[in-house]
C-alpha atoms as a PDB file:
ATOM      1  CA  MET A   1      76.439 115.829 115.414  1.00  0.00           C
ATOM      2  CA  ALA A   2      75.670 112.936 113.037  1.00  0.00           C
ATOM      3  CA  HIS A   3      78.962 111.252 114.072  1.00  0.00           C
ATOM      4  CA  ARG A   4      77.866 111.316 117.709  1.00  0.00           C
ATOM      5  CA  ILE A   5      74.365 109.982 116.973  1.00  0.00           C
ATOM      6  CA  TRP A   6      75.568 107.137 114.729  1.00  0.00           C
ATOM      7  CA  ASN A   7      78.364 106.084 117.051  1.00  0.00           C
ATOM      8  CA  LEU A   8      76.250 106.204 120.219  1.00  0.00           C
ATOM      9  CA  SER A   9      73.687 104.117 118.349  1.00  0.00           C
ATOM     10  CA  GLY A  10      76.473 101.661 117.488  1.00  0.00           C
ATOM     11  CA  VAL A  11      77.585 101.539 121.123  1.00  0.00           C
ATOM     12  CA  GLY A  12      74.003 100.856 122.191  1.00  0.00           C
ATOM     13  CA  PHE A  13      73.611  98.106 119.610  1.00  0.00           C
ATOM     14  CA  ASN A  14      76.912  96.484 120.597  1.00  0.00           C
ATOM     15  CA  LEU A  15      76.064  96.611 124.304  1.00  0.00           C
ATOM     16  CA  SER A  16      72.670  95.052 123.583  1.00  0.00           C
ATOM     17  CA  ALA A  17      74.289  92.294 121.508  1.00  0.00           C
ATOM     18  CA  ALA A  18      76.923  91.634 124.188  1.00  0.00           C
ATOM     19  CA  ILE A  19      74.298  91.402 126.931  1.00  0.00           C
ATOM     20  CA  TYR A  20      72.173  89.109 124.762  1.00  0.00           C
ATOM     21  CA  LEU A  21      75.106  86.794 123.992  1.00  0.00           C
ATOM     22  CA  LEU A  22      76.130  86.663 127.664  1.00  0.00           C
ATOM     23  CA  ALA A  23      72.545  85.919 128.691  1.00  0.00           C
ATOM     24  CA  MET A  24      72.370  83.167 126.067  1.00  0.00           C
ATOM     25  CA  LYS A  25      75.621  81.669 127.340  1.00  0.00           C
ATOM     26  CA  TYR A  26      75.004  81.861 131.091  1.00  0.00           C
ATOM     27  CA  LEU A  27      71.249  82.220 131.693  1.00  0.00           C
ATOM     28  CA  LEU A  28      69.407  80.666 128.759  1.00  0.00           C
ATOM     29  CA  GLY A  29      70.928  77.203 128.479  1.00  0.00           C
ATOM     30  CA  GLY A  30      74.155  77.887 126.598  1.00  0.00           C
ATOM     31  CA  ILE A  31      74.819  78.924 123.039  1.00  0.00           C
ATOM     32  CA  GLU A  32      74.321  75.404 121.700  1.00  0.00           C
ATOM     33  CA  ALA A  33      70.681  75.555 122.837  1.00  0.00           C
ATOM     34  CA  HIS A  34      70.322  78.497 120.430  1.00  0.00           C
ATOM     35  CA  SER A  35      71.923  76.703 117.466  1.00  0.00           C
ATOM     36  CA  ILE A  36      75.331  78.356 117.797  1.00  0.00           C
ATOM     37  CA  PHE A  37      78.178  75.858 117.875  1.00  0.00           C
ATOM     38  CA  PRO A  38      81.911  76.417 118.414  1.00  0.00           C
ATOM     39  CA  ALA A  39      84.085  75.255 115.519  1.00  0.00           C
ATOM     40  CA  VAL A  40      87.465  75.557 117.242  1.00  0.00           C
ATOM     41  CA  ALA A  41      89.285  74.521 120.410  1.00  0.00           C
ATOM     42  CA  ASN A  42      88.225  75.995 123.741  1.00  0.00           C
ATOM     43  CA  TRP A  43      91.435  78.033 124.165  1.00  0.00           C
ATOM     44  CA  ILE A  44      90.678  79.885 120.916  1.00  0.00           C
ATOM     45  CA  ILE A  45      87.183  80.715 122.177  1.00  0.00           C
ATOM     46  CA  GLN A  46      88.597  81.957 125.489  1.00  0.00           C
ATOM     47  CA  THR A  47      91.140  84.108 123.616  1.00  0.00           C
ATOM     48  CA  HIS A  48      88.330  85.504 121.463  1.00  0.00           C
ATOM     49  CA  ARG A  49      86.309  86.341 124.591  1.00  0.00           C
ATOM     50  CA  PHE A  50      89.301  88.075 126.184  1.00  0.00           C
ATOM     51  CA  PHE A  51      89.823  90.320 123.165  1.00  0.00           C
ATOM     52  CA  ALA A  52      86.061  90.919 122.930  1.00  0.00           C
ATOM     53  CA  ALA A  53      86.083  92.127 126.552  1.00  0.00           C
ATOM     54  CA  VAL A  54      89.044  94.421 125.840  1.00  0.00           C
ATOM     55  CA  ALA A  55      87.230  95.798 122.766  1.00  0.00           C
ATOM     56  CA  LEU A  56      84.077  96.365 124.844  1.00  0.00           C
ATOM     57  CA  ILE A  57      85.989  98.375 127.449  1.00  0.00           C
ATOM     58  CA  MET A  58      87.755 100.350 124.729  1.00  0.00           C
ATOM     59  CA  MET A  59      84.409 101.054 123.054  1.00  0.00           C
ATOM     60  CA  LEU A  60      83.056 102.517 126.290  1.00  0.00           C
ATOM     61  CA  VAL A  61      86.189 104.635 126.783  1.00  0.00           C
ATOM     62  CA  MET A  62      85.909 105.822 123.184  1.00  0.00           C
ATOM     63  CA  ALA A  63      82.275 106.770 123.755  1.00  0.00           C
ATOM     64  CA  TYR A  64      83.211 108.643 126.922  1.00  0.00           C
ATOM     65  CA  SER A  65      86.134 110.445 125.279  1.00  0.00           C
ATOM     66  CA  GLY A  66      83.907 111.417 122.359  1.00  0.00           C
ATOM     67  CA  ILE A  67      81.125 112.729 124.580  1.00  0.00           C
ATOM     68  CA  LYS A  68      83.612 114.700 126.702  1.00  0.00           C
ATOM     69  CA  ARG A  69      85.338 115.924 123.535  1.00  0.00           C
ATOM     70  CA  LYS A  70      88.751 114.578 124.503  1.00  0.00           C
ATOM     71  CA  ARG A  71      89.833 114.463 120.884  1.00  0.00           C
ATOM     72  CA  ASN A  72      93.468 113.411 121.365  1.00  0.00           C
ATOM     73  CA  LEU A  73      92.529 110.370 123.460  1.00  0.00           C
ATOM     74  CA  HIS A  74      89.623 109.556 121.153  1.00  0.00           C
ATOM     75  CA  VAL A  75      91.764 109.583 118.005  1.00  0.00           C
ATOM     76  CA  LYS A  76      94.567 107.546 119.632  1.00  0.00           C
ATOM     77  CA  LEU A  77      92.105 104.937 120.865  1.00  0.00           C
ATOM     78  CA  HIS A  78      90.361 104.576 117.524  1.00  0.00           C
ATOM     79  CA  ARG A  79      93.635 103.514 115.889  1.00  0.00           C
ATOM     80  CA  ILE A  80      93.714 100.496 118.213  1.00  0.00           C
ATOM     81  CA  PHE A  81      89.985  99.963 118.646  1.00  0.00           C
ATOM     82  CA  LEU A  82      88.934  99.715 114.991  1.00  0.00           C
ATOM     83  CA  PRO A  83      91.350  96.906 114.023  1.00  0.00           C
ATOM     84  CA  LEU A  84      90.669  95.105 117.318  1.00  0.00           C
ATOM     85  CA  TYR A  85      86.891  95.346 116.910  1.00  0.00           C
ATOM     86  CA  THR A  86      87.116  94.170 113.300  1.00  0.00           C
ATOM     87  CA  PHE A  87      89.289  91.214 114.358  1.00  0.00           C
ATOM     88  CA  VAL A  88      86.832  90.234 117.120  1.00  0.00           C
ATOM     89  CA  TYR A  89      83.821  90.582 114.819  1.00  0.00           C
ATOM     90  CA  VAL A  90      85.297  88.557 111.944  1.00  0.00           C
ATOM     91  CA  SER A  91      86.805  85.903 114.226  1.00  0.00           C
ATOM     92  CA  GLY A  92      83.402  85.482 115.898  1.00  0.00           C
ATOM     93  CA  LEU A  93      81.861  84.778 112.509  1.00  0.00           C
ATOM     94  CA  ILE A  94      84.524  82.170 111.827  1.00  0.00           C
ATOM     95  CA  ILE A  95      84.763  80.365 115.166  1.00  0.00           C
ATOM     96  CA  PHE A  96      81.023  80.078 115.813  1.00  0.00           C
ATOM     97  CA  GLN A  97      78.850  78.183 113.319  1.00  0.00           C
ATOM     98  CA  THR A  98      75.116  77.670 112.999  1.00  0.00           C
ATOM     99  CA  HIS A  99      75.463  73.897 112.614  1.00  0.00           C
ATOM    100  CA  PRO A 100      77.353  71.356 114.694  1.00  0.00           C
ATOM    101  CA  ILE A 101      80.751  70.251 113.416  1.00  0.00           C
ATOM    102  CA  SER A 102      80.676  66.529 112.672  1.00  0.00           C
END
């Protein structure tokens, strides 16, 4: 039961963060207006966003498979999801800075 509570809390947090970042980007003046600056070429940012979207979809499928107790699917997905999510998280820390690159 604790696994379900912690992971659903994580899904909720990640969805909230994703919605906030998308709102910042498209509704609130762009990420630069919030002191977040890209440190790499645009194609790297677009690649990061693609893999972030894939990780988001996988996270939702993992949540669904966990809730429905589809253990085989859940375990297979986690072997792909965890490295992908870690890659997206760490790359986001690297490619976005809190100060402009001069």
